[in-house]
N, C-alpha and C. Protein backbone atom coordinates (compact mmCIF):
# COMPACT_ATOMS: atom_id res chain seq x y z
N UNK A 1 92.27 97.43 112.38
CA UNK A 1 90.93 97.21 112.66
C UNK A 1 89.73 97.06 111.21
N UNK A 2 88.93 96.13 111.31
CA UNK A 2 88.27 95.33 110.33
C UNK A 2 86.87 96.40 110.34
N UNK A 3 86.01 96.78 109.45
CA UNK A 3 84.84 97.32 109.50
C UNK A 3 83.85 96.39 109.24
N UNK A 4 82.67 96.99 110.07
CA UNK A 4 81.18 95.83 109.93
C UNK A 4 80.60 96.16 108.84
N UNK A 5 80.04 94.59 108.60
CA UNK A 5 79.00 94.61 107.62
C UNK A 5 78.68 95.87 106.81
N UNK A 6 77.54 96.84 107.66
CA UNK A 6 77.12 97.61 107.17
C UNK A 6 78.22 98.92 106.78
N UNK A 7 79.00 99.12 107.55
CA UNK A 7 80.46 100.48 106.77
C UNK A 7 80.62 99.67 105.54
N UNK A 8 81.28 98.26 105.69
CA UNK A 8 82.02 97.23 104.52
C UNK A 8 80.90 97.84 103.19
N UNK A 9 79.86 97.60 103.22
CA UNK A 9 78.43 97.96 102.27
C UNK A 9 78.41 99.02 101.88
N UNK A 10 78.43 100.17 102.79
CA UNK A 10 78.14 101.70 102.25
C UNK A 10 79.15 102.39 102.01
N UNK A 11 80.86 101.78 102.32
CA UNK A 11 81.70 102.25 101.28
C UNK A 11 82.16 101.49 100.03
N UNK A 12 81.28 100.27 99.65
CA UNK A 12 80.79 99.51 98.71
C UNK A 12 79.97 100.57 97.85
N UNK A 13 79.01 100.65 98.32
CA UNK A 13 78.10 101.50 97.25
C UNK A 13 78.17 102.62 97.01
N UNK A 14 79.29 103.76 97.74
CA UNK A 14 79.74 104.98 97.36
C UNK A 14 80.82 104.41 96.33
N UNK A 15 81.84 103.38 96.23
CA UNK A 15 82.19 103.18 95.40
C UNK A 15 81.57 102.78 94.14
N UNK A 16 80.41 101.73 93.87
CA UNK A 16 79.64 101.40 92.63
C UNK A 16 79.10 102.88 92.40
N UNK A 17 78.48 103.62 92.95
CA UNK A 17 78.34 105.13 92.35
C UNK A 17 79.38 105.31 91.57
N UNK A 18 80.05 105.68 91.61
CA UNK A 18 81.46 106.02 90.85
C UNK A 18 81.86 105.57 89.87
N UNK A 19 81.80 104.17 89.92
CA UNK A 19 82.46 103.27 88.56
C UNK A 19 80.68 103.54 87.97
N UNK A 20 79.55 103.43 88.58
CA UNK A 20 78.51 103.16 87.34
C UNK A 20 78.52 104.47 87.20
N UNK A 21 79.05 105.76 87.52
CA UNK A 21 78.57 106.72 86.58
C UNK A 21 79.83 107.12 85.63
N UNK A 22 81.27 106.37 86.11
CA UNK A 22 82.13 106.42 84.84
C UNK A 22 82.34 105.22 84.20
N UNK A 23 81.79 104.42 84.14
CA UNK A 23 81.09 103.28 83.67
C UNK A 23 80.74 103.77 82.06
N UNK A 24 79.49 104.72 82.32
CA UNK A 24 78.61 105.71 81.28
C UNK A 24 79.39 106.36 80.70
N UNK A 25 80.20 107.00 81.06
CA UNK A 25 81.19 107.99 80.52
C UNK A 25 81.71 107.63 78.99
N UNK A 26 81.62 108.21 77.56
CA UNK A 26 82.54 107.75 76.89
C UNK A 26 83.95 108.41 76.92
N UNK A 27 84.31 109.79 77.58
CA UNK A 27 85.42 110.22 77.64
C UNK A 27 86.19 110.08 79.23
N UNK A 28 87.14 110.00 78.96
CA UNK A 28 87.52 109.54 80.00
C UNK A 28 88.38 110.84 80.77
N UNK A 29 88.15 111.44 81.39
CA UNK A 29 88.77 112.94 82.54
C UNK A 29 89.27 112.72 83.64
N UNK A 30 89.17 111.88 84.25
CA UNK A 30 89.26 111.67 85.58
C UNK A 30 90.38 111.02 85.94
N UNK A 31 91.53 111.37 86.57
CA UNK A 31 92.96 110.30 86.46
C UNK A 31 92.80 110.03 88.21
N UNK A 32 92.53 110.37 89.04
CA UNK A 32 92.32 110.07 90.71
C UNK A 32 91.50 110.08 91.39
N UNK A 33 91.35 109.70 92.29
CA UNK A 33 90.38 109.51 93.04
C UNK A 33 90.52 109.79 94.77
N UNK A 34 90.41 110.95 95.58
CA UNK A 34 90.66 111.09 96.83
C UNK A 34 89.98 111.07 97.57
N UNK A 35 90.55 110.18 98.86
CA UNK A 35 89.15 109.83 99.86
C UNK A 35 89.70 110.51 101.45
N UNK A 36 88.72 111.41 102.03
CA UNK A 36 88.68 111.83 102.98
C UNK A 36 87.69 111.36 103.99
N UNK A 37 88.67 111.97 104.61
CA UNK A 37 87.73 110.99 106.11
C UNK A 37 87.81 112.24 107.60
N UNK A 38 86.62 112.47 107.88
CA UNK A 38 86.15 113.15 108.70
C UNK A 38 86.41 112.51 109.73
N UNK A 39 87.33 113.00 110.92
CA UNK A 39 87.50 112.31 112.00
C UNK A 39 86.29 112.58 113.29
N UNK A 40 85.72 113.22 113.14
CA UNK A 40 84.63 113.65 113.76
C UNK A 40 83.29 112.81 113.88
N UNK A 41 82.79 112.76 112.31
CA UNK A 41 81.78 112.28 112.08
C UNK A 41 82.07 110.76 111.05
N UNK A 42 83.45 110.45 110.93
CA UNK A 42 83.49 108.99 110.50
C UNK A 42 82.83 109.04 109.24
N UNK A 43 82.91 110.05 108.59
CA UNK A 43 81.73 110.26 106.97
C UNK A 43 83.60 110.34 105.73
N UNK A 44 82.94 108.83 105.13
CA UNK A 44 84.34 109.44 104.29
C UNK A 44 83.95 109.99 103.20
N UNK A 45 84.45 110.50 102.33
CA UNK A 45 84.22 111.93 101.22
C UNK A 45 85.21 111.33 100.28
N UNK A 46 84.45 111.05 98.81
CA UNK A 46 85.55 110.77 97.63
C UNK A 46 85.10 111.67 96.37
N UNK A 47 86.48 112.89 96.19
CA UNK A 47 86.71 113.56 95.03
C UNK A 47 87.66 113.23 94.32
N UNK A 48 87.37 113.67 92.81
CA UNK A 48 87.81 113.42 91.84
C UNK A 48 88.88 115.16 91.64
N UNK A 49 89.88 115.17 90.81
CA UNK A 49 90.70 115.52 90.72
C UNK A 49 90.41 117.53 90.83
N UNK A 50 89.33 117.00 90.38
CA UNK A 50 88.72 118.82 90.70
C UNK A 50 88.10 119.38 92.17
N UNK A 51 88.19 118.56 92.56
CA UNK A 51 88.05 118.32 94.24
C UNK A 51 86.54 118.29 93.72
N UNK A 52 85.24 118.01 93.12
CA UNK A 52 84.15 117.57 92.86
C UNK A 52 84.10 116.66 93.82
N UNK A 53 82.57 116.40 94.23
CA UNK A 53 82.59 115.29 95.47
C UNK A 53 81.61 114.44 94.79
N UNK A 54 82.10 113.08 94.48
CA UNK A 54 81.91 112.02 93.52
C UNK A 54 80.86 111.13 94.64
N UNK A 55 80.77 110.99 96.09
CA UNK A 55 80.67 110.17 96.25
C UNK A 55 80.80 110.32 97.78
N UNK A 56 79.69 109.74 99.33
CA UNK A 56 80.11 110.00 100.46
C UNK A 56 79.48 108.17 101.39
N UNK A 57 80.15 108.43 102.44
CA UNK A 57 80.10 107.02 103.22
C UNK A 57 79.97 107.29 104.19
N UNK A 58 79.07 106.55 105.12
CA UNK A 58 79.18 106.83 106.50
C UNK A 58 79.90 105.55 107.03
N UNK A 59 81.21 105.75 107.90
CA UNK A 59 82.33 104.19 108.51
C UNK A 59 81.73 104.28 110.16
N UNK A 60 81.18 103.53 110.69
CA UNK A 60 80.19 104.30 112.20
C UNK A 60 82.18 104.03 112.65
N UNK A 61 82.43 102.67 111.96
CA UNK A 61 84.21 102.65 113.06
C UNK A 61 85.15 103.94 113.36
N UNK A 62 84.61 104.69 112.47
CA UNK A 62 85.84 105.70 112.27
C UNK A 62 85.11 107.47 112.66
N UNK A 63 83.96 107.10 113.68
CA UNK A 63 83.12 108.45 114.24
C UNK A 63 83.92 108.28 115.32
N UNK A 64 84.56 109.60 115.60
CA UNK A 64 85.31 110.31 117.00
C UNK A 64 84.75 109.43 118.24
N UNK A 65 83.16 109.85 118.37
CA UNK A 65 83.13 109.56 119.50
C UNK A 65 82.51 108.06 119.75
N UNK A 66 82.81 106.93 118.64
CA UNK A 66 82.34 105.44 118.88
C UNK A 66 84.56 104.93 119.39
N UNK A 67 84.91 105.78 118.91
CA UNK A 67 86.41 105.34 119.19
C UNK A 67 87.69 106.35 118.56
N UNK A 68 88.84 105.81 119.07
CA UNK A 68 89.76 106.86 118.69
C UNK A 68 90.13 106.25 117.64
N UNK A 69 90.70 106.32 116.24
CA UNK A 69 91.06 105.43 115.54
C UNK A 69 92.30 106.59 114.87
N UNK A 70 93.57 106.37 114.30
CA UNK A 70 94.29 106.84 113.75
C UNK A 70 94.39 106.64 112.43
N UNK A 71 95.20 107.58 112.01
CA UNK A 71 95.78 107.67 110.09
C UNK A 71 96.19 106.19 109.79
N UNK A 72 97.10 105.89 110.60
CA UNK A 72 97.64 104.01 109.96
C UNK A 72 96.52 103.48 109.41
N UNK A 73 95.35 103.58 110.85
CA UNK A 73 95.08 102.16 111.40
C UNK A 73 93.17 102.57 109.74
N UNK A 74 93.36 103.86 109.98
CA UNK A 74 92.28 104.61 108.86
C UNK A 74 92.94 103.92 107.22
N UNK A 75 94.29 104.21 107.00
CA UNK A 75 94.92 103.77 105.88
C UNK A 75 95.07 102.28 105.87
N UNK A 76 95.33 101.85 106.68
CA UNK A 76 95.15 99.91 106.45
C UNK A 76 93.58 99.30 106.26
N UNK A 77 93.09 100.32 107.01
CA UNK A 77 91.32 99.56 106.34
C UNK A 77 91.43 99.60 105.16
N UNK A 78 90.75 100.78 104.60
CA UNK A 78 90.49 101.27 103.84
C UNK A 78 91.60 101.00 102.38
N UNK A 79 92.95 100.68 102.60
CA UNK A 79 93.27 99.89 101.69
C UNK A 79 93.12 98.34 101.13
N UNK A 80 92.93 97.86 102.50
CA UNK A 80 92.31 96.62 102.52
C UNK A 80 91.35 96.76 101.42
N UNK A 81 90.42 97.28 102.04
CA UNK A 81 88.68 97.25 100.84
C UNK A 81 89.26 97.44 100.16
N UNK A 82 89.89 98.38 99.19
CA UNK A 82 90.23 98.75 98.02
C UNK A 82 90.47 97.53 97.35
N UNK A 83 91.27 97.22 97.74
CA UNK A 83 92.65 95.88 97.23
C UNK A 83 91.00 94.98 97.27
N UNK A 84 90.67 94.35 98.32
CA UNK A 84 89.47 93.27 97.92
C UNK A 84 88.51 94.16 96.83
N UNK A 85 88.01 95.19 96.47
CA UNK A 85 86.93 95.49 95.42
C UNK A 85 87.81 94.89 94.28
N UNK A 86 88.99 95.42 93.76
CA UNK A 86 89.99 95.60 92.58
C UNK A 86 90.12 94.02 92.35
N UNK A 87 90.72 93.15 93.12
CA UNK A 87 90.11 91.48 93.13
C UNK A 87 89.18 91.10 92.25
N UNK A 88 88.22 91.68 92.38
CA UNK A 88 86.65 91.32 92.16
C UNK A 88 86.59 92.59 90.88
N UNK A 89 87.35 93.01 90.42
CA UNK A 89 87.28 93.70 88.99
C UNK A 89 86.43 95.19 89.07
N UNK A 90 85.86 95.29 90.21
CA UNK A 90 84.90 96.52 90.65
C UNK A 90 85.95 97.65 89.67
N UNK A 91 87.12 97.33 89.63
CA UNK A 91 87.25 99.20 89.42
C UNK A 91 87.65 99.18 87.80
N UNK A 92 87.79 98.23 86.96
CA UNK A 92 87.91 97.49 85.75
C UNK A 92 86.81 98.32 84.34
N UNK A 93 85.43 98.48 85.43
CA UNK A 93 84.21 99.39 85.21
C UNK A 93 84.43 100.88 84.72
N UNK A 94 85.49 101.28 85.43
CA UNK A 94 85.64 102.73 85.54
C UNK A 94 85.96 103.32 84.06
N UNK A 95 85.64 103.90 83.34
CA UNK A 95 86.17 104.60 81.83
C UNK A 95 87.09 105.78 82.29
N UNK A 96 88.22 105.28 83.48
CA UNK A 96 88.91 107.03 83.79
C UNK A 96 90.46 106.58 83.27
N UNK A 97 91.61 108.00 82.38
CA UNK A 97 92.40 107.15 82.14
C UNK A 97 93.28 106.94 83.19
N UNK A 98 94.04 106.13 82.60
CA UNK A 98 94.98 105.00 83.47
C UNK A 98 96.58 105.02 83.22
N UNK A 99 97.38 105.36 84.06
CA UNK A 99 97.04 105.11 85.53
C UNK A 99 96.93 106.11 86.35
N UNK A 100 95.51 105.37 87.13
CA UNK A 100 94.87 106.57 88.64
C UNK A 100 95.61 106.18 89.45
N UNK A 101 95.21 107.00 90.53
CA UNK A 101 95.35 106.52 91.73
C UNK A 101 94.45 106.65 93.01
N UNK A 102 93.93 105.79 94.15
CA UNK A 102 93.17 106.51 94.72
C UNK A 102 93.84 106.55 96.13
N UNK A 103 94.52 108.36 96.35
CA UNK A 103 94.59 108.71 97.58
C UNK A 103 94.24 108.87 99.27
N UNK A 104 94.34 108.73 99.84
CA UNK A 104 93.93 109.39 101.28
C UNK A 104 94.79 110.74 101.52
N UNK A 105 93.88 111.75 101.50
CA UNK A 105 93.88 113.16 101.52
C UNK A 105 93.71 113.80 103.48
N UNK A 106 93.95 114.32 103.75
CA UNK A 106 93.86 115.14 104.76
C UNK A 106 93.00 116.34 104.93
N UNK A 107 92.66 117.07 105.75
CA UNK A 107 91.62 118.20 105.49
C UNK A 107 91.30 119.18 104.52
N UNK A 108 92.65 119.57 104.50
CA UNK A 108 93.17 120.49 103.41
C UNK A 108 93.47 119.98 102.46
N UNK A 109 93.14 118.81 102.13
CA UNK A 109 93.08 118.39 100.69
C UNK A 109 94.79 117.83 99.98
N UNK A 110 95.62 117.98 101.43
CA UNK A 110 96.96 117.61 101.28
C UNK A 110 96.97 115.82 101.41
N UNK A 111 97.95 115.18 100.24
CA UNK A 111 98.17 113.81 99.95
C UNK A 111 98.37 113.18 101.31
N UNK A 112 98.27 112.12 101.93
CA UNK A 112 99.04 111.50 103.03
C UNK A 112 99.87 110.50 102.58
N UNK A 113 98.70 109.66 101.64
CA UNK A 113 99.08 108.12 100.94
C UNK A 113 98.98 107.94 100.05
N UNK A 114 99.01 107.11 99.43
CA UNK A 114 98.64 106.39 97.98
C UNK A 114 98.07 105.18 98.20
N UNK A 115 96.70 104.71 98.42
CA UNK A 115 95.68 103.55 98.77
C UNK A 115 95.89 102.90 97.60
N UNK A 116 95.96 103.03 96.35
CA UNK A 116 95.67 101.80 95.36
C UNK A 116 96.55 102.70 94.18
N UNK A 117 96.89 102.09 93.47
CA UNK A 117 97.61 102.32 92.00
C UNK A 117 97.35 101.23 91.14
N UNK A 118 96.11 101.88 90.16
CA UNK A 118 95.84 101.63 89.17
C UNK A 118 96.26 101.39 87.52
N UNK A 119 96.89 100.56 87.33
CA UNK A 119 97.33 100.89 85.86
C UNK A 119 97.47 99.29 85.50
N UNK A 120 97.48 99.17 84.16
CA UNK A 120 97.80 97.66 83.55
C UNK A 120 98.75 97.34 83.62
N UNK A 121 100.28 97.96 83.34
CA UNK A 121 101.21 97.72 83.50
C UNK A 121 102.41 97.48 84.18
N UNK A 122 101.93 98.79 85.32
CA UNK A 122 102.66 98.88 86.53
C UNK A 122 102.32 98.53 87.90
N UNK A 123 103.11 97.63 88.32
CA UNK A 123 102.82 97.11 89.92
C UNK A 123 103.48 97.75 91.09
N UNK A 124 102.93 98.82 92.08
CA UNK A 124 103.49 99.12 92.94
C UNK A 124 104.21 98.12 94.17
N UNK A 125 104.85 98.22 94.74
CA UNK A 125 104.85 97.21 95.30
C UNK A 125 104.52 97.79 97.19
N UNK A 126 104.20 97.11 97.91
CA UNK A 126 103.87 97.75 99.59
C UNK A 126 104.96 97.67 100.09
N UNK A 127 105.08 98.59 101.29
CA UNK A 127 106.26 99.04 101.80
C UNK A 127 106.76 97.48 102.77
N UNK A 128 105.19 96.95 102.84
CA UNK A 128 105.81 95.81 104.29
C UNK A 128 106.73 94.43 103.29
N UNK A 129 106.23 94.49 101.82
CA UNK A 129 106.93 93.69 101.05
C UNK A 129 108.57 94.15 100.72
N UNK A 130 108.61 95.07 101.28
CA UNK A 130 109.85 95.67 101.02
C UNK A 130 111.05 95.80 102.60
N UNK A 131 110.34 95.32 103.02
CA UNK A 131 111.07 95.56 105.02
C UNK A 131 111.82 94.23 104.15
N UNK A 132 113.15 94.88 105.01
CA UNK A 132 114.47 93.95 105.22
C UNK A 132 115.23 94.23 103.73
N UNK A 133 114.78 94.53 102.77
CA UNK A 133 115.23 94.86 101.53
C UNK A 133 116.90 95.61 101.26
N UNK A 134 116.53 96.29 102.53
CA UNK A 134 118.03 97.33 101.93
C UNK A 134 119.39 96.51 102.48
N UNK A 135 119.03 95.41 103.58
CA UNK A 135 119.84 94.34 104.60
C UNK A 135 120.25 93.46 103.69
N UNK A 136 119.12 92.60 102.63
CA UNK A 136 119.60 92.25 101.84
C UNK A 136 120.90 92.60 100.36
N UNK A 137 120.27 93.63 100.33
CA UNK A 137 120.58 94.15 99.42
C UNK A 137 122.26 94.47 99.42
N UNK A 138 122.51 95.00 101.17
CA UNK A 138 124.05 94.77 101.00
C UNK A 138 124.42 93.95 101.47
N UNK A 139 123.71 92.76 102.26
CA UNK A 139 124.51 91.55 101.70
C UNK A 139 124.72 90.96 100.69
N UNK A 140 124.22 91.20 100.05
CA UNK A 140 124.58 90.62 98.13
C UNK A 140 125.48 91.52 97.74
N UNK A 141 125.59 92.79 97.58
CA UNK A 141 126.92 93.58 97.14
C UNK A 141 127.99 92.75 97.62
N UNK A 142 127.82 92.76 99.57
CA UNK A 142 129.22 92.63 100.01
C UNK A 142 129.18 91.05 99.61
N UNK A 143 128.67 90.16 99.51
CA UNK A 143 129.18 88.69 98.70
C UNK A 143 130.10 89.32 97.05
N UNK A 144 129.19 89.63 96.28
CA UNK A 144 129.74 90.03 94.91
C UNK A 144 131.59 90.98 95.07
N UNK A 145 130.76 91.38 96.12
CA UNK A 145 132.71 92.21 96.08
C UNK A 145 133.93 91.47 96.95
N UNK A 146 133.22 90.19 97.42
CA UNK A 146 134.30 89.12 98.30
C UNK A 146 134.88 87.97 97.06
N UNK A 147 133.75 87.92 95.64
CA UNK A 147 134.55 86.93 94.97
C UNK A 147 135.46 87.56 94.36
């Protein structure tokens, strides 16, 4: 499910308010960003490590009265949007400790999934990229043992 232009701009504005705020700080203190979606209203709230609210955005597509959405659809859409923001360098402006992650959390602030991991030296591979790796490794090992 892709976001409408209005929802995308709302999410971008929320992220920009965070990057602007952390871009001005001299001392990096936050190490992770937590994204929580209210399934009833479609509002996404972004928190820091100390559960302080940093920003909010209204995502019309995630409003329960409009459409039933699943956590996997929310995860995929949010990850896509965050990756696009990372590609244009939006997160480079943030003065926070690296590595840090953007994590989707539930209503109890329990981690559901890491959406984006930002580090200068580490690359986290997506599960889509790793599909079939076990089978390929088994075939490779079998080939080595036959020789």
